[in-house]
Amino acid sequence: MIPGKKQPPEPGDNQNIPAAKRNINLRIYRSFEEAARSEAMIDARKPPLEGLRETVELILRAYGVTREQLIERRKKMHINIIKRG
């Protein structure tokens, strides 16, 4: 990563692309069940690595961590187990 230089977006990252240039497909379903079936079919055709990438991106967004912050973290050589209750 070069400071001050804009990095290219990650594959599948549409956040930095103007809405007019995004490849957006809008589909209206008749029921939630039809939407769920369609989503399951789309996910089944998706390569496993793409599904993992999307999952990692969702986790990073949920915890407010960027890829750069994740890379810069010091790697720990141990696991902390927290027991509750």
C-alpha atoms as a PDB file:
ATOM      1  CA  MET A   1       0.000   0.000   0.000  1.00  0.00           C
ATOM      2  CA  ILE A   2       1.424   3.353  -1.052  1.00  0.00           C
ATOM      3  CA  PRO A   3       0.454   6.269   1.240  1.00  0.00           C
ATOM      4  CA  GLY A   4      -1.568   8.931  -0.566  1.00  0.00           C
ATOM      5  CA  LYS A   5      -2.241   6.736  -3.598  1.00  0.00           C
ATOM      6  CA  LYS A   6      -5.754   5.461  -4.175  1.00  0.00           C
ATOM      7  CA  GLN A   7      -5.871   1.673  -4.238  1.00  0.00           C
ATOM      8  CA  PRO A   8      -7.993  -0.172  -6.811  1.00  0.00           C
ATOM      9  CA  PRO A   9     -11.237  -1.582  -5.401  1.00  0.00           C
ATOM     10  CA  GLU A  10     -11.380  -5.202  -4.317  1.00  0.00           C
ATOM     11  CA  PRO A  11     -13.193  -7.561  -6.706  1.00  0.00           C
ATOM     12  CA  GLY A  12     -16.910  -7.298  -6.018  1.00  0.00           C
ATOM     13  CA  ASP A  13     -16.527  -3.976  -4.188  1.00  0.00           C
ATOM     14  CA  ASN A  14     -19.065  -1.596  -5.752  1.00  0.00           C
ATOM     15  CA  GLN A  15     -18.844   1.059  -3.027  1.00  0.00           C
ATOM     16  CA  ASN A  16     -16.292   3.206  -4.899  1.00  0.00           C
ATOM     17  CA  ILE A  17     -18.015   2.992  -8.288  1.00  0.00           C
ATOM     18  CA  PRO A  18     -20.624   5.649  -9.179  1.00  0.00           C
ATOM     19  CA  ALA A  19     -24.166   4.243  -9.210  1.00  0.00           C
ATOM     20  CA  ALA A  20     -24.560   5.007 -12.927  1.00  0.00           C
ATOM     21  CA  LYS A  21     -21.625   2.712 -13.765  1.00  0.00           C
ATOM     22  CA  ARG A  22     -22.494  -0.196 -11.458  1.00  0.00           C
ATOM     23  CA  ASN A  23     -23.914  -3.360 -12.918  1.00  0.00           C
ATOM     24  CA  ILE A  24     -27.152  -3.399 -10.936  1.00  0.00           C
ATOM     25  CA  ASN A  25     -29.908  -5.932 -11.515  1.00  0.00           C
ATOM     26  CA  LEU A  26     -33.260  -5.218  -9.929  1.00  0.00           C
ATOM     27  CA  ARG A  27     -35.742  -8.051  -9.673  1.00  0.00           C
ATOM     28  CA  ILE A  28     -39.197  -7.963  -8.094  1.00  0.00           C
ATOM     29  CA  TYR A  29     -40.473 -11.247  -6.682  1.00  0.00           C
ATOM     30  CA  ARG A  30     -44.033 -12.338  -6.060  1.00  0.00           C
ATOM     31  CA  SER A  31     -43.229 -13.837  -2.655  1.00  0.00           C
ATOM     32  CA  PHE A  32     -40.506 -14.167  -0.068  1.00  0.00           C
ATOM     33  CA  GLU A  33     -40.270 -17.867  -0.895  1.00  0.00           C
ATOM     34  CA  GLU A  34     -39.574 -17.117  -4.563  1.00  0.00           C
ATOM     35  CA  ALA A  35     -36.899 -14.602  -3.540  1.00  0.00           C
ATOM     36  CA  ALA A  36     -35.306 -17.141  -1.172  1.00  0.00           C
ATOM     37  CA  ARG A  37     -35.229 -19.821  -3.900  1.00  0.00           C
ATOM     38  CA  SER A  38     -33.659 -17.397  -6.353  1.00  0.00           C
ATOM     39  CA  GLU A  39     -31.047 -16.270  -3.816  1.00  0.00           C
ATOM     40  CA  ALA A  40     -30.203 -19.896  -2.999  1.00  0.00           C
ATOM     41  CA  MET A  41     -29.711 -20.662  -6.698  1.00  0.00           C
ATOM     42  CA  ILE A  42     -27.455 -17.630  -7.136  1.00  0.00           C
ATOM     43  CA  ASP A  43     -25.404 -18.605  -4.070  1.00  0.00           C
ATOM     44  CA  ALA A  44     -25.101 -22.208  -5.301  1.00  0.00           C
ATOM     45  CA  ARG A  45     -23.610 -21.005  -8.614  1.00  0.00           C
ATOM     46  CA  LYS A  46     -21.150 -18.686  -6.869  1.00  0.00           C
ATOM     47  CA  PRO A  47     -17.577 -19.965  -6.469  1.00  0.00           C
ATOM     48  CA  PRO A  48     -16.779 -20.851  -2.826  1.00  0.00           C
ATOM     49  CA  LEU A  49     -13.941 -18.327  -2.655  1.00  0.00           C
ATOM     50  CA  GLU A  50     -16.303 -15.496  -3.651  1.00  0.00           C
ATOM     51  CA  GLY A  51     -18.703 -16.500  -0.862  1.00  0.00           C
ATOM     52  CA  LEU A  52     -15.844 -16.449   1.653  1.00  0.00           C
ATOM     53  CA  ARG A  53     -14.720 -13.017   0.446  1.00  0.00           C
ATOM     54  CA  GLU A  54     -18.236 -11.626   0.864  1.00  0.00           C
ATOM     55  CA  THR A  55     -18.450 -13.127   4.361  1.00  0.00           C
ATOM     56  CA  VAL A  56     -15.122 -11.573   5.376  1.00  0.00           C
ATOM     57  CA  GLU A  57     -16.236  -8.187   4.018  1.00  0.00           C
ATOM     58  CA  LEU A  58     -19.480  -8.380   6.025  1.00  0.00           C
ATOM     59  CA  ILE A  59     -17.575  -9.279   9.211  1.00  0.00           C
ATOM     60  CA  LEU A  60     -15.094  -6.434   8.690  1.00  0.00           C
ATOM     61  CA  ARG A  61     -17.948  -3.975   8.114  1.00  0.00           C
ATOM     62  CA  ALA A  62     -19.829  -5.244  11.189  1.00  0.00           C
ATOM     63  CA  TYR A  63     -16.788  -4.678  13.416  1.00  0.00           C
ATOM     64  CA  GLY A  64     -15.750  -1.414  11.744  1.00  0.00           C
ATOM     65  CA  VAL A  65     -12.351  -2.733  10.662  1.00  0.00           C
ATOM     66  CA  THR A  66     -10.691  -2.093   7.304  1.00  0.00           C
ATOM     67  CA  ARG A  67      -8.552  -4.612   5.440  1.00  0.00           C
ATOM     68  CA  GLU A  68      -5.536  -2.395   6.053  1.00  0.00           C
ATOM     69  CA  GLN A  69      -6.152  -2.380   9.814  1.00  0.00           C
ATOM     70  CA  LEU A  70      -6.534  -6.144   9.765  1.00  0.00           C
ATOM     71  CA  ILE A  71      -3.229  -6.595   7.912  1.00  0.00           C
ATOM     72  CA  GLU A  72      -1.395  -4.196  10.242  1.00  0.00           C
ATOM     73  CA  ARG A  73      -2.485  -6.013  13.397  1.00  0.00           C
ATOM     74  CA  ARG A  74       0.224  -7.955  15.139  1.00  0.00           C
ATOM     75  CA  LYS A  75      -0.318 -11.668  14.734  1.00  0.00           C
ATOM     76  CA  LYS A  76      -0.809 -13.460  18.044  1.00  0.00           C
ATOM     77  CA  MET A  77       0.579 -16.908  18.520  1.00  0.00           C
ATOM     78  CA  HIS A  78      -1.988 -17.893  21.131  1.00  0.00           C
ATOM     79  CA  ILE A  79      -5.750 -18.152  21.528  1.00  0.00           C
ATOM     80  CA  ASN A  80      -7.691 -16.525  24.363  1.00  0.00           C
ATOM     81  CA  ILE A  81     -10.704 -18.485  25.603  1.00  0.00           C
ATOM     82  CA  ILE A  82     -13.222 -16.432  27.517  1.00  0.00           C
ATOM     83  CA  LYS A  83     -15.655 -18.366  29.710  1.00  0.00           C
ATOM     84  CA  ARG A  84     -18.883 -16.685  30.666  1.00  0.00           C
ATOM     85  CA  GLY A  85     -21.447 -17.781  33.165  1.00  0.00           C
END
